[in-house]
Amino acid sequence: PLDAKGPDYGNRPGMASFAQIELI
């Protein structure tokens, strides 16, 4: 799996997921 390139903002309802943020 890819290593995270930035901070994980946690699971926040209604907000972009960690996977979405990393893909962006």
mmCIF file of all heavy atoms, coordinates in Angstrom:
data_MODEL
# 
_entry.id   MODEL 
# 
loop_
_atom_site.group_PDB 
_atom_site.id 
_atom_site.type_symbol 
_atom_site.label_atom_id 
_atom_site.label_alt_id 
_atom_site.label_comp_id 
_atom_site.label_asym_id 
_atom_site.label_entity_id 
_atom_site.label_seq_id 
_atom_site.pdbx_PDB_ins_code 
_atom_site.Cartn_x 
_atom_site.Cartn_y 
_atom_site.Cartn_z 
_atom_site.occupancy 
_atom_site.B_iso_or_equiv 
_atom_site.pdbx_formal_charge 
_atom_site.auth_seq_id 
_atom_site.auth_comp_id 
_atom_site.auth_asym_id 
_atom_site.auth_atom_id 
_atom_site.pdbx_PDB_model_num 
ATOM 1   N N   . PRO A 1 1  ? 0.828   -1.199 0.000  1.00 0.00 ? 1  PRO A N   1 
ATOM 2   C CA  . PRO A 1 1  ? 0.000   0.000  0.000  1.00 0.00 ? 1  PRO A CA  1 
ATOM 3   C C   . PRO A 1 1  ? 0.869   1.258  0.000  1.00 0.00 ? 1  PRO A C   1 
ATOM 4   O O   . PRO A 1 1  ? 2.006   1.248  0.474  1.00 0.00 ? 1  PRO A O   1 
ATOM 5   C CB  . PRO A 1 1  ? -0.817  -0.106 1.296  1.00 0.00 ? 1  PRO A CB  1 
ATOM 6   C CG  . PRO A 1 1  ? -0.181  -1.168 2.094  1.00 0.00 ? 1  PRO A CG  1 
ATOM 7   C CD  . PRO A 1 1  ? 0.684   -1.990 1.198  1.00 0.00 ? 1  PRO A CD  1 
ATOM 8   N N   . LEU A 1 2  ? 0.323   2.336  -0.576 1.00 0.00 ? 2  LEU A N   1 
ATOM 9   C CA  . LEU A 1 2  ? 1.044   3.600  -0.616 1.00 0.00 ? 2  LEU A CA  1 
ATOM 10  C C   . LEU A 1 2  ? 1.202   4.170  0.783  1.00 0.00 ? 2  LEU A C   1 
ATOM 11  O O   . LEU A 1 2  ? 0.322   4.035  1.618  1.00 0.00 ? 2  LEU A O   1 
ATOM 12  C CB  . LEU A 1 2  ? 0.287   4.608  -1.481 1.00 0.00 ? 2  LEU A CB  1 
ATOM 13  C CG  . LEU A 1 2  ? 0.158   4.274  -2.963 1.00 0.00 ? 2  LEU A CG  1 
ATOM 14  C CD1 . LEU A 1 2  ? -0.712  5.315  -3.652 1.00 0.00 ? 2  LEU A CD1 1 
ATOM 15  C CD2 . LEU A 1 2  ? 1.519   4.207  -3.612 1.00 0.00 ? 2  LEU A CD2 1 
ATOM 16  N N   . ASP A 1 3  ? 2.318   4.810  1.006  1.00 0.00 ? 3  ASP A N   1 
ATOM 17  C CA  . ASP A 1 3  ? 2.528   5.516  2.268  1.00 0.00 ? 3  ASP A CA  1 
ATOM 18  C C   . ASP A 1 3  ? 1.770   6.832  2.211  1.00 0.00 ? 3  ASP A C   1 
ATOM 19  O O   . ASP A 1 3  ? 1.657   7.456  1.149  1.00 0.00 ? 3  ASP A O   1 
ATOM 20  C CB  . ASP A 1 3  ? 4.012   5.801  2.487  1.00 0.00 ? 3  ASP A CB  1 
ATOM 21  C CG  . ASP A 1 3  ? 4.814   4.537  2.727  1.00 0.00 ? 3  ASP A CG  1 
ATOM 22  O OD1 . ASP A 1 3  ? 4.245   3.574  3.280  1.00 0.00 ? 3  ASP A OD1 1 
ATOM 23  O OD2 . ASP A 1 3  ? 6.001   4.512  2.358  1.00 0.00 ? 3  ASP A OD2 1 
ATOM 24  N N   . ALA A 1 4  ? 1.264   7.245  3.343  1.00 0.00 ? 4  ALA A N   1 
ATOM 25  C CA  . ALA A 1 4  ? 0.555   8.520  3.410  1.00 0.00 ? 4  ALA A CA  1 
ATOM 26  C C   . ALA A 1 4  ? 1.514   9.649  3.072  1.00 0.00 ? 4  ALA A C   1 
ATOM 27  O O   . ALA A 1 4  ? 2.652   9.665  3.521  1.00 0.00 ? 4  ALA A O   1 
ATOM 28  C CB  . ALA A 1 4  ? -0.033  8.714  4.797  1.00 0.00 ? 4  ALA A CB  1 
ATOM 29  N N   . LYS A 1 5  ? 1.047   10.601 2.274  1.00 0.00 ? 5  LYS A N   1 
ATOM 30  C CA  . LYS A 1 5  ? 1.874   11.735 1.872  1.00 0.00 ? 5  LYS A CA  1 
ATOM 31  C C   . LYS A 1 5  ? 1.524   12.987 2.654  1.00 0.00 ? 5  LYS A C   1 
ATOM 32  O O   . LYS A 1 5  ? 2.148   14.009 2.495  1.00 0.00 ? 5  LYS A O   1 
ATOM 33  C CB  . LYS A 1 5  ? 1.693   12.016 0.375  1.00 0.00 ? 5  LYS A CB  1 
ATOM 34  C CG  . LYS A 1 5  ? 2.003   10.840 -0.515 1.00 0.00 ? 5  LYS A CG  1 
ATOM 35  C CD  . LYS A 1 5  ? 3.457   10.461 -0.465 1.00 0.00 ? 5  LYS A CD  1 
ATOM 36  C CE  . LYS A 1 5  ? 3.727   9.342  -1.455 1.00 0.00 ? 5  LYS A CE  1 
ATOM 37  N NZ  . LYS A 1 5  ? 4.785   8.474  -1.095 1.00 0.00 ? 5  LYS A NZ  1 
ATOM 38  N N   . GLY A 1 6  ? 0.499   12.911 3.468  1.00 0.00 ? 6  GLY A N   1 
ATOM 39  C CA  . GLY A 1 6  ? 0.092   14.080 4.224  1.00 0.00 ? 6  GLY A CA  1 
ATOM 40  C C   . GLY A 1 6  ? -0.680  13.671 5.461  1.00 0.00 ? 6  GLY A C   1 
ATOM 41  O O   . GLY A 1 6  ? -0.865  12.485 5.732  1.00 0.00 ? 6  GLY A O   1 
ATOM 42  N N   . PRO A 1 7  ? -1.166  14.652 6.202  1.00 0.00 ? 7  PRO A N   1 
ATOM 43  C CA  . PRO A 1 7  ? -1.866  14.355 7.450  1.00 0.00 ? 7  PRO A CA  1 
ATOM 44  C C   . PRO A 1 7  ? -3.207  13.671 7.236  1.00 0.00 ? 7  PRO A C   1 
ATOM 45  O O   . PRO A 1 7  ? -3.878  13.880 6.230  1.00 0.00 ? 7  PRO A O   1 
ATOM 46  C CB  . PRO A 1 7  ? -2.053  15.727 8.094  1.00 0.00 ? 7  PRO A CB  1 
ATOM 47  C CG  . PRO A 1 7  ? -1.956  16.700 6.986  1.00 0.00 ? 7  PRO A CG  1 
ATOM 48  C CD  . PRO A 1 7  ? -1.071  16.088 5.952  1.00 0.00 ? 7  PRO A CD  1 
ATOM 49  N N   . ASP A 1 8  ? -3.567  12.844 8.187  1.00 0.00 ? 8  ASP A N   1 
ATOM 50  C CA  . ASP A 1 8  ? -4.873  12.183 8.212  1.00 0.00 ? 8  ASP A CA  1 
ATOM 51  C C   . ASP A 1 8  ? -5.750  12.998 9.144  1.00 0.00 ? 8  ASP A C   1 
ATOM 52  O O   . ASP A 1 8  ? -5.438  13.151 10.320 1.00 0.00 ? 8  ASP A O   1 
ATOM 53  C CB  . ASP A 1 8  ? -4.712  10.752 8.730  1.00 0.00 ? 8  ASP A CB  1 
ATOM 54  C CG  . ASP A 1 8  ? -6.025  9.992  8.794  1.00 0.00 ? 8  ASP A CG  1 
ATOM 55  O OD1 . ASP A 1 8  ? -7.078  10.574 8.464  1.00 0.00 ? 8  ASP A OD1 1 
ATOM 56  O OD2 . ASP A 1 8  ? -5.987  8.813  9.176  1.00 0.00 ? 8  ASP A OD2 1 
ATOM 57  N N   . TYR A 1 9  ? -6.831  13.548 8.621  1.00 0.00 ? 9  TYR A N   1 
ATOM 58  C CA  . TYR A 1 9  ? -7.698  14.403 9.426  1.00 0.00 ? 9  TYR A CA  1 
ATOM 59  C C   . TYR A 1 9  ? -8.761  13.615 10.176 1.00 0.00 ? 9  TYR A C   1 
ATOM 60  O O   . TYR A 1 9  ? -9.633  14.190 10.798 1.00 0.00 ? 9  TYR A O   1 
ATOM 61  C CB  . TYR A 1 9  ? -8.340  15.477 8.542  1.00 0.00 ? 9  TYR A CB  1 
ATOM 62  C CG  . TYR A 1 9  ? -7.316  16.324 7.828  1.00 0.00 ? 9  TYR A CG  1 
ATOM 63  C CD1 . TYR A 1 9  ? -7.204  16.306 6.449  1.00 0.00 ? 9  TYR A CD1 1 
ATOM 64  C CD2 . TYR A 1 9  ? -6.436  17.121 8.548  1.00 0.00 ? 9  TYR A CD2 1 
ATOM 65  C CE1 . TYR A 1 9  ? -6.249  17.065 5.801  1.00 0.00 ? 9  TYR A CE1 1 
ATOM 66  C CE2 . TYR A 1 9  ? -5.472  17.881 7.907  1.00 0.00 ? 9  TYR A CE2 1 
ATOM 67  C CZ  . TYR A 1 9  ? -5.394  17.849 6.529  1.00 0.00 ? 9  TYR A CZ  1 
ATOM 68  O OH  . TYR A 1 9  ? -4.440  18.586 5.894  1.00 0.00 ? 9  TYR A OH  1 
ATOM 69  N N   . GLY A 1 10 ? -8.687  12.290 10.113 1.00 0.00 ? 10 GLY A N   1 
ATOM 70  C CA  . GLY A 1 10 ? -9.629  11.448 10.841 1.00 0.00 ? 10 GLY A CA  1 
ATOM 71  C C   . GLY A 1 10 ? -10.928 11.238 10.079 1.00 0.00 ? 10 GLY A C   1 
ATOM 72  O O   . GLY A 1 10 ? -11.137 11.773 9.005  1.00 0.00 ? 10 GLY A O   1 
ATOM 73  N N   . ASN A 1 11 ? -11.787 10.431 10.663 1.00 0.00 ? 11 ASN A N   1 
ATOM 74  C CA  . ASN A 1 11 ? -13.088 10.141 10.062 1.00 0.00 ? 11 ASN A CA  1 
ATOM 75  C C   . ASN A 1 11 ? -14.064 11.235 10.481 1.00 0.00 ? 11 ASN A C   1 
ATOM 76  O O   . ASN A 1 11 ? -14.450 11.322 11.637 1.00 0.00 ? 11 ASN A O   1 
ATOM 77  C CB  . ASN A 1 11 ? -13.579 8.767  10.523 1.00 0.00 ? 11 ASN A CB  1 
ATOM 78  C CG  . ASN A 1 11 ? -14.881 8.388  9.868  1.00 0.00 ? 11 ASN A CG  1 
ATOM 79  O OD1 . ASN A 1 11 ? -15.300 9.007  8.897  1.00 0.00 ? 11 ASN A OD1 1 
ATOM 80  N ND2 . ASN A 1 11 ? -15.522 7.368  10.394 1.00 0.00 ? 11 ASN A ND2 1 
ATOM 81  N N   . ARG A 1 12 ? -14.427 12.079 9.532  1.00 0.00 ? 12 ARG A N   1 
ATOM 82  C CA  . ARG A 1 12 ? -15.318 13.195 9.820  1.00 0.00 ? 12 ARG A CA  1 
ATOM 83  C C   . ARG A 1 12 ? -16.539 13.083 8.927  1.00 0.00 ? 12 ARG A C   1 
ATOM 84  O O   . ARG A 1 12 ? -16.416 13.191 7.703  1.00 0.00 ? 12 ARG A O   1 
ATOM 85  C CB  . ARG A 1 12 ? -14.598 14.523 9.587  1.00 0.00 ? 12 ARG A CB  1 
ATOM 86  C CG  . ARG A 1 12 ? -13.348 14.658 10.467 1.00 0.00 ? 12 ARG A CG  1 
ATOM 87  C CD  . ARG A 1 12 ? -12.453 15.806 10.073 1.00 0.00 ? 12 ARG A CD  1 
ATOM 88  N NE  . ARG A 1 12 ? -12.079 15.714 8.665  1.00 0.00 ? 12 ARG A NE  1 
ATOM 89  C CZ  . ARG A 1 12 ? -11.958 16.770 7.870  1.00 0.00 ? 12 ARG A CZ  1 
ATOM 90  N NH1 . ARG A 1 12 ? -12.166 17.978 8.298  1.00 0.00 ? 12 ARG A NH1 1 
ATOM 91  N NH2 . ARG A 1 12 ? -11.607 16.615 6.616  1.00 0.00 ? 12 ARG A NH2 1 
ATOM 92  N N   . PRO A 1 13 ? -17.706 12.842 9.499  1.00 0.00 ? 13 PRO A N   1 
ATOM 93  C CA  . PRO A 1 13 ? -18.925 12.678 8.692  1.00 0.00 ? 13 PRO A CA  1 
ATOM 94  C C   . PRO A 1 13 ? -19.144 13.860 7.745  1.00 0.00 ? 13 PRO A C   1 
ATOM 95  O O   . PRO A 1 13 ? -19.034 15.014 8.144  1.00 0.00 ? 13 PRO A O   1 
ATOM 96  C CB  . PRO A 1 13 ? -20.039 12.592 9.731  1.00 0.00 ? 13 PRO A CB  1 
ATOM 97  C CG  . PRO A 1 13 ? -19.363 12.143 10.983 1.00 0.00 ? 13 PRO A CG  1 
ATOM 98  C CD  . PRO A 1 13 ? -17.975 12.728 10.928 1.00 0.00 ? 13 PRO A CD  1 
ATOM 99  N N   . GLY A 1 14 ? -19.393 13.535 6.482  1.00 0.00 ? 14 GLY A N   1 
ATOM 100 C CA  . GLY A 1 14 ? -19.665 14.560 5.488  1.00 0.00 ? 14 GLY A CA  1 
ATOM 101 C C   . GLY A 1 14 ? -18.445 15.166 4.844  1.00 0.00 ? 14 GLY A C   1 
ATOM 102 O O   . GLY A 1 14 ? -18.543 15.896 3.864  1.00 0.00 ? 14 GLY A O   1 
ATOM 103 N N   . MET A 1 15 ? -17.273 14.857 5.392  1.00 0.00 ? 15 MET A N   1 
ATOM 104 C CA  . MET A 1 15 ? -16.042 15.432 4.855  1.00 0.00 ? 15 MET A CA  1 
ATOM 105 C C   . MET A 1 15 ? -15.296 14.384 4.031  1.00 0.00 ? 15 MET A C   1 
ATOM 106 O O   . MET A 1 15 ? -15.541 13.191 4.152  1.00 0.00 ? 15 MET A O   1 
ATOM 107 C CB  . MET A 1 15 ? -15.162 15.947 5.993  1.00 0.00 ? 15 MET A CB  1 
ATOM 108 C CG  . MET A 1 15 ? -15.834 16.975 6.877  1.00 0.00 ? 15 MET A CG  1 
ATOM 109 S SD  . MET A 1 15 ? -16.495 18.392 5.983  1.00 0.00 ? 15 MET A SD  1 
ATOM 110 C CE  . MET A 1 15 ? -15.010 19.331 5.698  1.00 0.00 ? 15 MET A CE  1 
ATOM 111 N N   . ALA A 1 16 ? -14.384 14.847 3.192  1.00 0.00 ? 16 ALA A N   1 
ATOM 112 C CA  . ALA A 1 16 ? -13.608 13.948 2.340  1.00 0.00 ? 16 ALA A CA  1 
ATOM 113 C C   . ALA A 1 16 ? -12.862 12.929 3.197  1.00 0.00 ? 16 ALA A C   1 
ATOM 114 O O   . ALA A 1 16 ? -12.320 13.270 4.250  1.00 0.00 ? 16 ALA A O   1 
ATOM 115 C CB  . ALA A 1 16 ? -12.626 14.746 1.495  1.00 0.00 ? 16 ALA A CB  1 
ATOM 116 N N   . SER A 1 17 ? -12.851 11.698 2.728  1.00 0.00 ? 17 SER A N   1 
ATOM 117 C CA  . SER A 1 17 ? -12.172 10.628 3.466  1.00 0.00 ? 17 SER A CA  1 
ATOM 118 C C   . SER A 1 17 ? -10.658 10.723 3.256  1.00 0.00 ? 17 SER A C   1 
ATOM 119 O O   . SER A 1 17 ? -10.172 11.394 2.345  1.00 0.00 ? 17 SER A O   1 
ATOM 120 C CB  . SER A 1 17 ? -12.669 9.265  2.988  1.00 0.00 ? 17 SER A CB  1 
ATOM 121 O OG  . SER A 1 17 ? -12.222 9.026  1.656  1.00 0.00 ? 17 SER A OG  1 
ATOM 122 N N   . PHE A 1 18 ? -9.934  10.014 4.097  1.00 0.00 ? 18 PHE A N   1 
ATOM 123 C CA  . PHE A 1 18 ? -8.476  9.968  3.977  1.00 0.00 ? 18 PHE A CA  1 
ATOM 124 C C   . PHE A 1 18 ? -8.081  9.425  2.608  1.00 0.00 ? 18 PHE A C   1 
ATOM 125 O O   . PHE A 1 18 ? -7.165  9.950  1.968  1.00 0.00 ? 18 PHE A O   1 
ATOM 126 C CB  . PHE A 1 18 ? -7.890  9.106  5.096  1.00 0.00 ? 18 PHE A CB  1 
ATOM 127 C CG  . PHE A 1 18 ? -6.394  8.993  5.038  1.00 0.00 ? 18 PHE A CG  1 
ATOM 128 C CD1 . PHE A 1 18 ? -5.596  10.095 5.289  1.00 0.00 ? 18 PHE A CD1 1 
ATOM 129 C CD2 . PHE A 1 18 ? -5.782  7.793  4.732  1.00 0.00 ? 18 PHE A CD2 1 
ATOM 130 C CE1 . PHE A 1 18 ? -4.209  10.004 5.234  1.00 0.00 ? 18 PHE A CE1 1 
ATOM 131 C CE2 . PHE A 1 18 ? -4.405  7.690  4.677  1.00 0.00 ? 18 PHE A CE2 1 
ATOM 132 C CZ  . PHE A 1 18 ? -3.615  8.795  4.927  1.00 0.00 ? 18 PHE A CZ  1 
ATOM 133 N N   . ALA A 1 19 ? -8.790  8.393  2.136  1.00 0.00 ? 19 ALA A N   1 
ATOM 134 C CA  . ALA A 1 19 ? -8.483  7.810  0.829  1.00 0.00 ? 19 ALA A CA  1 
ATOM 135 C C   . ALA A 1 19 ? -8.695  8.836  -0.290 1.00 0.00 ? 19 ALA A C   1 
ATOM 136 O O   . ALA A 1 19 ? -7.884  8.930  -1.214 1.00 0.00 ? 19 ALA A O   1 
ATOM 137 C CB  . ALA A 1 19 ? -9.340  6.570  0.588  1.00 0.00 ? 19 ALA A CB  1 
ATOM 138 N N   . GLN A 1 20 ? -9.784  9.611  -0.209 1.00 0.00 ? 20 GLN A N   1 
ATOM 139 C CA  . GLN A 1 20 ? -10.026 10.645 -1.211 1.00 0.00 ? 20 GLN A CA  1 
ATOM 140 C C   . GLN A 1 20 ? -8.904  11.687 -1.192 1.00 0.00 ? 20 GLN A C   1 
ATOM 141 O O   . GLN A 1 20 ? -8.393  12.076 -2.243 1.00 0.00 ? 20 GLN A O   1 
ATOM 142 C CB  . GLN A 1 20 ? -11.354 11.362 -0.953 1.00 0.00 ? 20 GLN A CB  1 
ATOM 143 C CG  . GLN A 1 20 ? -12.585 10.611 -1.374 1.00 0.00 ? 20 GLN A CG  1 
ATOM 144 C CD  . GLN A 1 20 ? -13.841 11.414 -1.081 1.00 0.00 ? 20 GLN A CD  1 
ATOM 145 O OE1 . GLN A 1 20 ? -14.019 11.920 0.019  1.00 0.00 ? 20 GLN A OE1 1 
ATOM 146 N NE2 . GLN A 1 20 ? -14.709 11.515 -2.064 1.00 0.00 ? 20 GLN A NE2 1 
ATOM 147 N N   . ILE A 1 21 ? -8.534  12.125 -0.001 1.00 0.00 ? 21 ILE A N   1 
ATOM 148 C CA  . ILE A 1 21 ? -7.498  13.149 0.132  1.00 0.00 ? 21 ILE A CA  1 
ATOM 149 C C   . ILE A 1 21 ? -6.171  12.653 -0.436 1.00 0.00 ? 21 ILE A C   1 
ATOM 150 O O   . ILE A 1 21 ? -5.484  13.371 -1.166 1.00 0.00 ? 21 ILE A O   1 
ATOM 151 C CB  . ILE A 1 21 ? -7.361  13.584 1.604  1.00 0.00 ? 21 ILE A CB  1 
ATOM 152 C CG1 . ILE A 1 21 ? -8.603  14.380 2.023  1.00 0.00 ? 21 ILE A CG1 1 
ATOM 153 C CG2 . ILE A 1 21 ? -6.093  14.399 1.831  1.00 0.00 ? 21 ILE A CG2 1 
ATOM 154 C CD1 . ILE A 1 21 ? -8.685  14.687 3.500  1.00 0.00 ? 21 ILE A CD1 1 
ATOM 155 N N   . GLU A 1 22 ? -5.810  11.417 -0.129 1.00 0.00 ? 22 GLU A N   1 
ATOM 156 C CA  . GLU A 1 22 ? -4.552  10.866 -0.647 1.00 0.00 ? 22 GLU A CA  1 
ATOM 157 C C   . GLU A 1 22 ? -4.604  10.720 -2.166 1.00 0.00 ? 22 GLU A C   1 
ATOM 158 O O   . GLU A 1 22 ? -3.614  10.971 -2.848 1.00 0.00 ? 22 GLU A O   1 
ATOM 159 C CB  . GLU A 1 22 ? -4.241  9.524  0.015  1.00 0.00 ? 22 GLU A CB  1 
ATOM 160 C CG  . GLU A 1 22 ? -3.717  9.672  1.436  1.00 0.00 ? 22 GLU A CG  1 
ATOM 161 C CD  . GLU A 1 22 ? -2.433  10.481 1.513  1.00 0.00 ? 22 GLU A CD  1 
ATOM 162 O OE1 . GLU A 1 22 ? -1.418  10.093 0.897  1.00 0.00 ? 22 GLU A OE1 1 
ATOM 163 O OE2 . GLU A 1 22 ? -2.449  11.523 2.183  1.00 0.00 ? 22 GLU A OE2 1 
ATOM 164 N N   . LEU A 1 23 ? -5.764  10.324 -2.715 1.00 0.00 ? 23 LEU A N   1 
ATOM 165 C CA  . LEU A 1 23 ? -5.896  10.208 -4.167 1.00 0.00 ? 23 LEU A CA  1 
ATOM 166 C C   . LEU A 1 23 ? -5.781  11.582 -4.817 1.00 0.00 ? 23 LEU A C   1 
ATOM 167 O O   . LEU A 1 23 ? -5.128  11.730 -5.854 1.00 0.00 ? 23 LEU A O   1 
ATOM 168 C CB  . LEU A 1 23 ? -7.222  9.543  -4.538 1.00 0.00 ? 23 LEU A CB  1 
ATOM 169 C CG  . LEU A 1 23 ? -7.480  9.360  -6.034 1.00 0.00 ? 23 LEU A CG  1 
ATOM 170 C CD1 . LEU A 1 23 ? -6.350  8.587  -6.706 1.00 0.00 ? 23 LEU A CD1 1 
ATOM 171 C CD2 . LEU A 1 23 ? -8.813  8.666  -6.254 1.00 0.00 ? 23 LEU A CD2 1 
ATOM 172 N N   . ILE A 1 24 ? -6.380  12.599 -4.213 1.00 0.00 ? 24 ILE A N   1 
ATOM 173 C CA  . ILE A 1 24 ? -6.270  13.958 -4.743 1.00 0.00 ? 24 ILE A CA  1 
ATOM 174 C C   . ILE A 1 24 ? -4.807  14.395 -4.741 1.00 0.00 ? 24 ILE A C   1 
ATOM 175 O O   . ILE A 1 24 ? -4.322  14.947 -5.741 1.00 0.00 ? 24 ILE A O   1 
ATOM 176 C CB  . ILE A 1 24 ? -7.153  14.928 -3.935 1.00 0.00 ? 24 ILE A CB  1 
ATOM 177 C CG1 . ILE A 1 24 ? -8.635  14.627 -4.207 1.00 0.00 ? 24 ILE A CG1 1 
ATOM 178 C CG2 . ILE A 1 24 ? -6.822  16.381 -4.265 1.00 0.00 ? 24 ILE A CG2 1 
ATOM 179 C CD1 . ILE A 1 24 ? -9.594  15.302 -3.249 1.00 0.00 ? 24 ILE A CD1 1 
# 
